[in-house]
Amino acid sequence: MTNSEAINIQIISKIMAVFPSIQFTAQEDIETIARPAFKLILDEIKSERYASEYVRRTYPVKLVYFAADKERPKIECLTIFEQLEPTLYDMTDKISSIIYSTDAVLEISFDVADTILVPAPTGDTGEDIETLDLMEELN
C-alpha cells in the first residue's frame, strides 16, 4: 500500500466515524450522485527534501459533501462542517470551506503532511579517505 492510499483510507475512516451512514462516492457527474454523499479528492502531491534523508510530502485534500436538500443546502452544509471540524483538526492545522448553493455542495480544503525516509544515493558521493588523509598531512 502506498502512502497516498494509506492517507486516503485514514481520512475516509475518520469521516465515517463521524458520519457512518453517509457513503463516499467516486461519481464524476454531479447529477447522478446519490445524496447525501462525500467525495474525497486527493490528486496532487507536493514534495520537499529536508535533512539529507527525509522528504516531507504534502497532500492537498478536497473533501466534498453533496447535501441531501438541494433546495436549502446552507444550514445542512454548515452543520456537516461543524460536526467534522474537530476530526479534521486532528489531521491538519488549517481548514477552509466554501458552500456552492447552486449545486448544494460543501467543499472543505486542507493539507495532510507525511514524512518519509529516502535512502541516500549509492555510489561515489565524495572524495575517498586516502585523498583526505593526504590533504590533512600536507596542511
N, C-alpha and C. Protein backbone atom coordinates (compact mmCIF):
# COMPACT_ATOMS: atom_id res chain seq x y z
N MET A 1 0.83 -1.17 0.00
CA MET A 1 0.00 0.00 0.00
C MET A 1 0.89 1.25 0.00
N THR A 2 0.58 2.18 -0.87
CA THR A 2 1.36 3.41 -0.95
C THR A 2 0.94 4.38 0.16
N ASN A 3 1.76 5.39 0.38
CA ASN A 3 1.42 6.41 1.38
C ASN A 3 0.12 7.12 1.00
N SER A 4 -0.06 7.38 -0.27
CA SER A 4 -1.28 8.06 -0.73
C SER A 4 -2.51 7.23 -0.42
N GLU A 5 -2.43 5.93 -0.66
CA GLU A 5 -3.56 5.05 -0.36
C GLU A 5 -3.84 5.01 1.14
N ALA A 6 -2.78 4.96 1.94
CA ALA A 6 -2.93 4.93 3.40
C ALA A 6 -3.58 6.21 3.91
N ILE A 7 -3.17 7.36 3.37
CA ILE A 7 -3.77 8.63 3.76
C ILE A 7 -5.23 8.69 3.35
N ASN A 8 -5.52 8.23 2.16
CA ASN A 8 -6.90 8.18 1.66
C ASN A 8 -7.77 7.35 2.61
N ILE A 9 -7.31 6.17 2.97
CA ILE A 9 -8.06 5.29 3.87
C ILE A 9 -8.22 5.93 5.25
N GLN A 10 -7.16 6.55 5.74
CA GLN A 10 -7.20 7.19 7.05
C GLN A 10 -8.26 8.30 7.10
N ILE A 11 -8.27 9.14 6.08
CA ILE A 11 -9.23 10.25 6.04
C ILE A 11 -10.66 9.71 5.96
N ILE A 12 -10.88 8.76 5.07
CA ILE A 12 -12.23 8.19 4.92
C ILE A 12 -12.70 7.55 6.22
N SER A 13 -11.82 6.81 6.89
CA SER A 13 -12.24 6.14 8.13
C SER A 13 -12.57 7.15 9.23
N LYS A 14 -11.83 8.25 9.29
CA LYS A 14 -12.13 9.28 10.29
C LYS A 14 -13.46 9.97 10.00
N ILE A 15 -13.75 10.22 8.74
CA ILE A 15 -15.02 10.85 8.37
C ILE A 15 -16.17 9.88 8.64
N MET A 16 -15.98 8.61 8.31
CA MET A 16 -17.02 7.60 8.52
C MET A 16 -17.30 7.38 10.01
N ALA A 17 -16.31 7.63 10.86
CA ALA A 17 -16.54 7.51 12.30
C ALA A 17 -17.53 8.58 12.79
N VAL A 18 -17.53 9.73 12.13
CA VAL A 18 -18.44 10.82 12.50
C VAL A 18 -19.80 10.64 11.81
N PHE A 19 -19.76 10.24 10.55
CA PHE A 19 -20.98 10.07 9.74
C PHE A 19 -21.02 8.67 9.13
N PRO A 20 -21.31 7.63 9.92
CA PRO A 20 -21.28 6.27 9.39
C PRO A 20 -22.34 5.97 8.34
N SER A 21 -23.41 6.75 8.31
CA SER A 21 -24.48 6.45 7.35
C SER A 21 -24.33 7.18 6.02
N ILE A 22 -23.37 8.08 5.92
CA ILE A 22 -23.16 8.82 4.67
C ILE A 22 -22.01 8.16 3.91
N GLN A 23 -22.32 7.69 2.72
CA GLN A 23 -21.35 6.96 1.91
C GLN A 23 -20.44 7.91 1.11
N PHE A 24 -19.31 7.37 0.68
CA PHE A 24 -18.40 8.09 -0.21
C PHE A 24 -18.72 7.66 -1.64
N THR A 25 -18.54 8.59 -2.56
CA THR A 25 -18.80 8.32 -3.97
C THR A 25 -17.56 8.62 -4.79
N ALA A 26 -17.48 7.98 -5.93
CA ALA A 26 -16.42 8.27 -6.89
C ALA A 26 -17.03 8.84 -8.17
N GLN A 27 -18.33 9.07 -8.17
CA GLN A 27 -19.03 9.59 -9.33
C GLN A 27 -18.48 10.95 -9.74
N GLU A 28 -18.41 11.19 -11.03
CA GLU A 28 -17.96 12.47 -11.57
C GLU A 28 -19.14 13.38 -11.92
N ASP A 29 -20.23 12.80 -12.37
CA ASP A 29 -21.40 13.57 -12.79
C ASP A 29 -22.23 13.94 -11.57
N ILE A 30 -22.25 15.23 -11.25
CA ILE A 30 -22.92 15.70 -10.04
C ILE A 30 -24.41 15.37 -10.03
N GLU A 31 -25.02 15.24 -11.19
CA GLU A 31 -26.45 14.95 -11.27
C GLU A 31 -26.78 13.50 -10.90
N THR A 32 -25.83 12.59 -11.03
CA THR A 32 -26.12 11.18 -10.76
C THR A 32 -25.68 10.72 -9.36
N ILE A 33 -25.16 11.62 -8.56
CA ILE A 33 -24.70 11.25 -7.22
C ILE A 33 -25.89 11.07 -6.30
N ALA A 34 -25.94 9.93 -5.61
CA ALA A 34 -26.98 9.67 -4.62
C ALA A 34 -26.64 10.48 -3.37
N ARG A 35 -27.51 11.38 -2.98
CA ARG A 35 -27.26 12.30 -1.87
C ARG A 35 -27.93 11.80 -0.61
N PRO A 36 -27.39 12.11 0.54
CA PRO A 36 -26.14 12.80 0.81
C PRO A 36 -24.95 11.88 0.52
N ALA A 37 -23.81 12.49 0.23
CA ALA A 37 -22.60 11.72 -0.07
C ALA A 37 -21.38 12.60 0.12
N PHE A 38 -20.26 11.93 0.39
CA PHE A 38 -18.96 12.58 0.45
C PHE A 38 -18.15 12.13 -0.75
N LYS A 39 -17.22 12.96 -1.15
CA LYS A 39 -16.23 12.59 -2.17
C LYS A 39 -14.89 13.14 -1.71
N LEU A 40 -13.89 12.29 -1.74
CA LEU A 40 -12.54 12.68 -1.35
C LEU A 40 -11.70 12.82 -2.60
N ILE A 41 -11.06 13.99 -2.74
CA ILE A 41 -10.22 14.24 -3.91
C ILE A 41 -8.80 14.48 -3.42
N LEU A 42 -7.93 13.56 -3.79
CA LEU A 42 -6.52 13.60 -3.43
C LEU A 42 -5.77 13.42 -4.74
N ASP A 43 -5.50 14.49 -5.45
CA ASP A 43 -4.90 14.31 -6.77
C ASP A 43 -3.65 15.14 -7.00
N GLU A 44 -3.02 15.56 -5.92
CA GLU A 44 -1.80 16.35 -6.05
C GLU A 44 -0.89 16.02 -4.87
N ILE A 45 0.40 16.03 -5.12
CA ILE A 45 1.38 15.82 -4.05
C ILE A 45 2.46 16.89 -4.19
N LYS A 46 2.77 17.53 -3.08
CA LYS A 46 3.90 18.45 -3.04
C LYS A 46 4.98 17.78 -2.22
N SER A 47 6.21 17.83 -2.70
CA SER A 47 7.30 17.11 -2.04
C SER A 47 8.48 18.05 -1.83
N GLU A 48 9.09 17.94 -0.65
CA GLU A 48 10.22 18.81 -0.34
C GLU A 48 11.22 18.03 0.53
N ARG A 49 12.48 18.06 0.11
CA ARG A 49 13.53 17.35 0.84
C ARG A 49 14.04 18.22 1.98
N TYR A 50 14.27 17.58 3.12
CA TYR A 50 14.93 18.25 4.23
C TYR A 50 15.78 17.21 4.94
N ALA A 51 16.80 17.65 5.65
CA ALA A 51 17.78 16.72 6.24
C ALA A 51 18.07 15.68 5.15
N SER A 52 19.22 15.37 4.86
CA SER A 52 19.60 14.64 3.65
C SER A 52 18.80 13.38 3.34
N GLU A 53 18.16 12.77 4.32
CA GLU A 53 17.48 11.50 4.05
C GLU A 53 15.96 11.55 4.19
N TYR A 54 15.38 12.72 4.37
CA TYR A 54 13.94 12.79 4.58
C TYR A 54 13.26 13.68 3.55
N VAL A 55 12.03 13.31 3.24
CA VAL A 55 11.19 14.09 2.33
C VAL A 55 9.85 14.31 3.03
N ARG A 56 9.40 15.56 3.00
CA ARG A 56 8.09 15.88 3.54
C ARG A 56 7.13 16.00 2.37
N ARG A 57 6.10 15.18 2.38
CA ARG A 57 5.08 15.24 1.33
C ARG A 57 3.85 15.91 1.90
N THR A 58 3.29 16.79 1.12
CA THR A 58 2.06 17.46 1.49
C THR A 58 1.00 17.09 0.46
N TYR A 59 -0.12 16.60 0.95
CA TYR A 59 -1.23 16.19 0.10
C TYR A 59 -2.37 17.20 0.25
N PRO A 60 -2.59 18.07 -0.72
CA PRO A 60 -3.76 18.94 -0.67
C PRO A 60 -5.02 18.10 -0.84
N VAL A 61 -5.94 18.22 0.09
CA VAL A 61 -7.14 17.39 0.12
C VAL A 61 -8.37 18.26 -0.10
N LYS A 62 -9.30 17.75 -0.89
CA LYS A 62 -10.61 18.36 -1.01
C LYS A 62 -11.63 17.29 -0.59
N LEU A 63 -12.41 17.64 0.41
CA LEU A 63 -13.50 16.79 0.85
C LEU A 63 -14.78 17.49 0.43
N VAL A 64 -15.56 16.83 -0.39
CA VAL A 64 -16.77 17.43 -0.92
C VAL A 64 -17.97 16.71 -0.30
N TYR A 65 -18.92 17.50 0.17
CA TYR A 65 -20.17 16.96 0.70
C TYR A 65 -21.30 17.40 -0.20
N PHE A 66 -22.08 16.44 -0.67
CA PHE A 66 -23.24 16.71 -1.52
C PHE A 66 -24.48 16.66 -0.64
N ALA A 67 -25.08 17.81 -0.40
CA ALA A 67 -26.21 17.93 0.52
C ALA A 67 -27.43 17.16 0.01
N ALA A 68 -28.17 16.62 0.96
CA ALA A 68 -29.40 15.90 0.62
C ALA A 68 -30.47 16.89 0.16
N ASP A 69 -30.54 18.04 0.82
CA ASP A 69 -31.54 19.05 0.49
C ASP A 69 -30.97 20.02 -0.55
N LYS A 70 -31.32 19.81 -1.80
CA LYS A 70 -30.81 20.66 -2.88
C LYS A 70 -31.43 22.06 -2.87
N GLU A 71 -32.58 22.20 -2.26
CA GLU A 71 -33.27 23.49 -2.25
C GLU A 71 -32.74 24.43 -1.17
N ARG A 72 -32.35 23.88 -0.02
CA ARG A 72 -31.86 24.70 1.10
C ARG A 72 -30.64 24.02 1.72
N PRO A 73 -29.50 24.06 1.00
CA PRO A 73 -28.33 23.30 1.46
C PRO A 73 -27.47 24.00 2.52
N LYS A 74 -27.60 25.31 2.70
CA LYS A 74 -26.63 26.04 3.54
C LYS A 74 -26.60 25.55 4.97
N ILE A 75 -27.74 25.45 5.62
CA ILE A 75 -27.76 25.01 7.02
C ILE A 75 -27.26 23.58 7.14
N GLU A 76 -27.66 22.72 6.23
CA GLU A 76 -27.19 21.34 6.23
C GLU A 76 -25.67 21.29 6.08
N CYS A 77 -25.12 22.05 5.14
CA CYS A 77 -23.68 22.06 4.90
C CYS A 77 -22.92 22.63 6.09
N LEU A 78 -23.43 23.70 6.68
CA LEU A 78 -22.77 24.28 7.85
C LEU A 78 -22.77 23.30 9.03
N THR A 79 -23.87 22.58 9.20
CA THR A 79 -23.95 21.59 10.27
C THR A 79 -22.95 20.47 10.05
N ILE A 80 -22.82 20.00 8.82
CA ILE A 80 -21.84 18.95 8.49
C ILE A 80 -20.43 19.45 8.80
N PHE A 81 -20.12 20.68 8.37
CA PHE A 81 -18.79 21.24 8.62
C PHE A 81 -18.51 21.32 10.12
N GLU A 82 -19.45 21.85 10.89
CA GLU A 82 -19.24 22.00 12.33
C GLU A 82 -19.02 20.65 13.02
N GLN A 83 -19.69 19.62 12.55
CA GLN A 83 -19.52 18.30 13.15
C GLN A 83 -18.20 17.65 12.74
N LEU A 84 -17.72 17.96 11.54
CA LEU A 84 -16.45 17.40 11.05
C LEU A 84 -15.23 18.15 11.55
N GLU A 85 -15.40 19.41 11.88
CA GLU A 85 -14.26 20.27 12.21
C GLU A 85 -13.30 19.68 13.25
N PRO A 86 -13.77 19.16 14.39
CA PRO A 86 -12.82 18.59 15.36
C PRO A 86 -12.01 17.42 14.80
N THR A 87 -12.64 16.58 14.01
CA THR A 87 -11.94 15.45 13.39
C THR A 87 -10.91 15.93 12.39
N LEU A 88 -11.25 16.94 11.61
CA LEU A 88 -10.30 17.46 10.62
C LEU A 88 -9.10 18.10 11.31
N TYR A 89 -9.33 18.79 12.43
CA TYR A 89 -8.20 19.41 13.14
C TYR A 89 -7.29 18.37 13.78
N ASP A 90 -7.73 17.12 13.88
CA ASP A 90 -6.84 16.04 14.31
C ASP A 90 -5.81 15.71 13.22
N MET A 91 -6.14 16.08 11.96
CA MET A 91 -5.27 15.73 10.83
C MET A 91 -4.50 16.91 10.27
N THR A 92 -4.92 18.13 10.57
CA THR A 92 -4.34 19.31 9.94
C THR A 92 -4.44 20.53 10.85
N ASP A 93 -3.77 21.60 10.48
CA ASP A 93 -3.79 22.82 11.28
C ASP A 93 -4.62 23.94 10.65
N LYS A 94 -4.96 23.79 9.38
CA LYS A 94 -5.66 24.87 8.68
C LYS A 94 -6.72 24.26 7.76
N ILE A 95 -7.93 24.78 7.86
CA ILE A 95 -9.05 24.27 7.07
C ILE A 95 -9.75 25.45 6.41
N SER A 96 -10.16 25.28 5.18
CA SER A 96 -11.01 26.29 4.55
C SER A 96 -12.21 25.58 3.94
N SER A 97 -13.31 26.30 3.84
CA SER A 97 -14.51 25.69 3.27
C SER A 97 -15.30 26.73 2.49
N ILE A 98 -16.10 26.22 1.58
CA ILE A 98 -16.98 27.08 0.78
C ILE A 98 -18.22 26.26 0.44
N ILE A 99 -19.36 26.95 0.41
CA ILE A 99 -20.61 26.31 0.05
C ILE A 99 -21.02 26.83 -1.33
N TYR A 100 -21.29 25.90 -2.22
CA TYR A 100 -21.81 26.24 -3.55
C TYR A 100 -23.30 25.94 -3.53
N SER A 101 -24.10 26.96 -3.27
CA SER A 101 -25.55 26.78 -3.10
C SER A 101 -26.22 26.26 -4.37
N THR A 102 -25.77 26.70 -5.51
CA THR A 102 -26.43 26.28 -6.76
C THR A 102 -26.30 24.78 -6.99
N ASP A 103 -25.20 24.19 -6.51
CA ASP A 103 -25.01 22.74 -6.66
C ASP A 103 -25.31 21.99 -5.37
N ALA A 104 -25.62 22.71 -4.30
CA ALA A 104 -25.87 22.12 -2.98
C ALA A 104 -24.67 21.29 -2.52
N VAL A 105 -23.50 21.95 -2.55
CA VAL A 105 -22.24 21.27 -2.27
C VAL A 105 -21.42 22.08 -1.26
N LEU A 106 -20.83 21.37 -0.33
CA LEU A 106 -19.85 21.94 0.61
C LEU A 106 -18.49 21.39 0.21
N GLU A 107 -17.51 22.28 0.03
CA GLU A 107 -16.15 21.84 -0.29
C GLU A 107 -15.23 22.28 0.84
N ILE A 108 -14.56 21.31 1.44
CA ILE A 108 -13.62 21.57 2.53
C ILE A 108 -12.22 21.25 2.02
N SER A 109 -11.30 22.20 2.19
CA SER A 109 -9.93 22.02 1.72
C SER A 109 -8.97 22.07 2.90
N PHE A 110 -7.99 21.16 2.87
CA PHE A 110 -6.95 21.14 3.90
C PHE A 110 -5.77 20.34 3.37
N ASP A 111 -4.65 20.42 4.06
CA ASP A 111 -3.46 19.68 3.68
C ASP A 111 -3.16 18.62 4.73
N VAL A 112 -2.71 17.47 4.28
CA VAL A 112 -2.22 16.42 5.17
C VAL A 112 -0.76 16.19 4.81
N ALA A 113 0.10 16.16 5.82
CA ALA A 113 1.54 16.00 5.58
C ALA A 113 2.02 14.64 6.06
N ASP A 114 3.06 14.17 5.40
CA ASP A 114 3.66 12.89 5.72
C ASP A 114 5.17 13.02 5.52
N THR A 115 5.95 12.40 6.38
CA THR A 115 7.40 12.42 6.24
C THR A 115 7.87 11.02 5.91
N ILE A 116 8.70 10.90 4.89
CA ILE A 116 9.23 9.59 4.51
C ILE A 116 10.75 9.62 4.49
N LEU A 117 11.31 8.47 4.71
CA LEU A 117 12.77 8.30 4.65
C LEU A 117 13.14 7.95 3.22
N VAL A 118 14.08 8.69 2.67
CA VAL A 118 14.57 8.44 1.31
C VAL A 118 16.03 8.03 1.45
N PRO A 119 16.37 6.81 1.04
CA PRO A 119 17.75 6.37 1.18
C PRO A 119 18.73 7.29 0.46
N ALA A 120 19.91 7.44 1.06
CA ALA A 120 20.97 8.23 0.43
C ALA A 120 21.39 7.56 -0.87
N PRO A 121 21.83 8.33 -1.86
CA PRO A 121 22.25 7.75 -3.13
C PRO A 121 23.45 6.83 -2.93
N THR A 122 23.47 5.78 -3.72
CA THR A 122 24.60 4.85 -3.66
C THR A 122 25.66 5.29 -4.66
N GLY A 123 26.85 4.79 -4.48
CA GLY A 123 27.94 5.13 -5.39
C GLY A 123 28.87 6.15 -4.77
N ASP A 124 29.71 6.73 -5.59
CA ASP A 124 30.71 7.69 -5.13
C ASP A 124 30.03 9.00 -4.77
N THR A 125 30.06 9.36 -3.49
CA THR A 125 29.40 10.57 -3.05
C THR A 125 30.38 11.62 -2.57
N GLY A 126 31.67 11.40 -2.73
CA GLY A 126 32.64 12.38 -2.28
C GLY A 126 34.05 11.87 -2.49
N GLU A 127 35.02 12.53 -1.85
CA GLU A 127 36.40 12.12 -2.01
C GLU A 127 36.67 10.90 -1.14
N ASP A 128 37.58 10.04 -1.60
CA ASP A 128 37.88 8.86 -0.79
C ASP A 128 38.77 9.23 0.40
N ILE A 129 38.83 8.36 1.37
CA ILE A 129 39.51 8.63 2.63
C ILE A 129 41.01 8.83 2.44
N GLU A 130 41.64 8.14 1.48
CA GLU A 130 43.08 8.29 1.25
C GLU A 130 43.41 9.71 0.81
N THR A 131 42.60 10.30 -0.06
CA THR A 131 42.82 11.66 -0.52
C THR A 131 42.68 12.64 0.64
N LEU A 132 41.70 12.42 1.48
CA LEU A 132 41.50 13.29 2.62
C LEU A 132 42.66 13.19 3.61
N ASP A 133 43.18 11.97 3.84
CA ASP A 133 44.32 11.78 4.73
C ASP A 133 45.55 12.50 4.19
N LEU A 134 45.80 12.40 2.88
CA LEU A 134 46.94 13.05 2.24
C LEU A 134 46.84 14.56 2.37
N MET A 135 45.65 15.11 2.17
CA MET A 135 45.45 16.55 2.29
C MET A 135 45.69 17.01 3.72
N GLU A 136 45.28 16.19 4.69
CA GLU A 136 45.49 16.54 6.08
C GLU A 136 46.98 16.58 6.42
N GLU A 137 47.76 15.63 5.87
CA GLU A 137 49.20 15.60 6.13
C GLU A 137 49.91 16.81 5.53
N LEU A 138 49.43 17.27 4.37
CA LEU A 138 50.06 18.43 3.73
C LEU A 138 49.79 19.72 4.49
N ASN A 139 48.73 19.80 5.17
CA ASN A 139 48.39 21.01 5.93
C ASN A 139 49.10 20.94 7.23
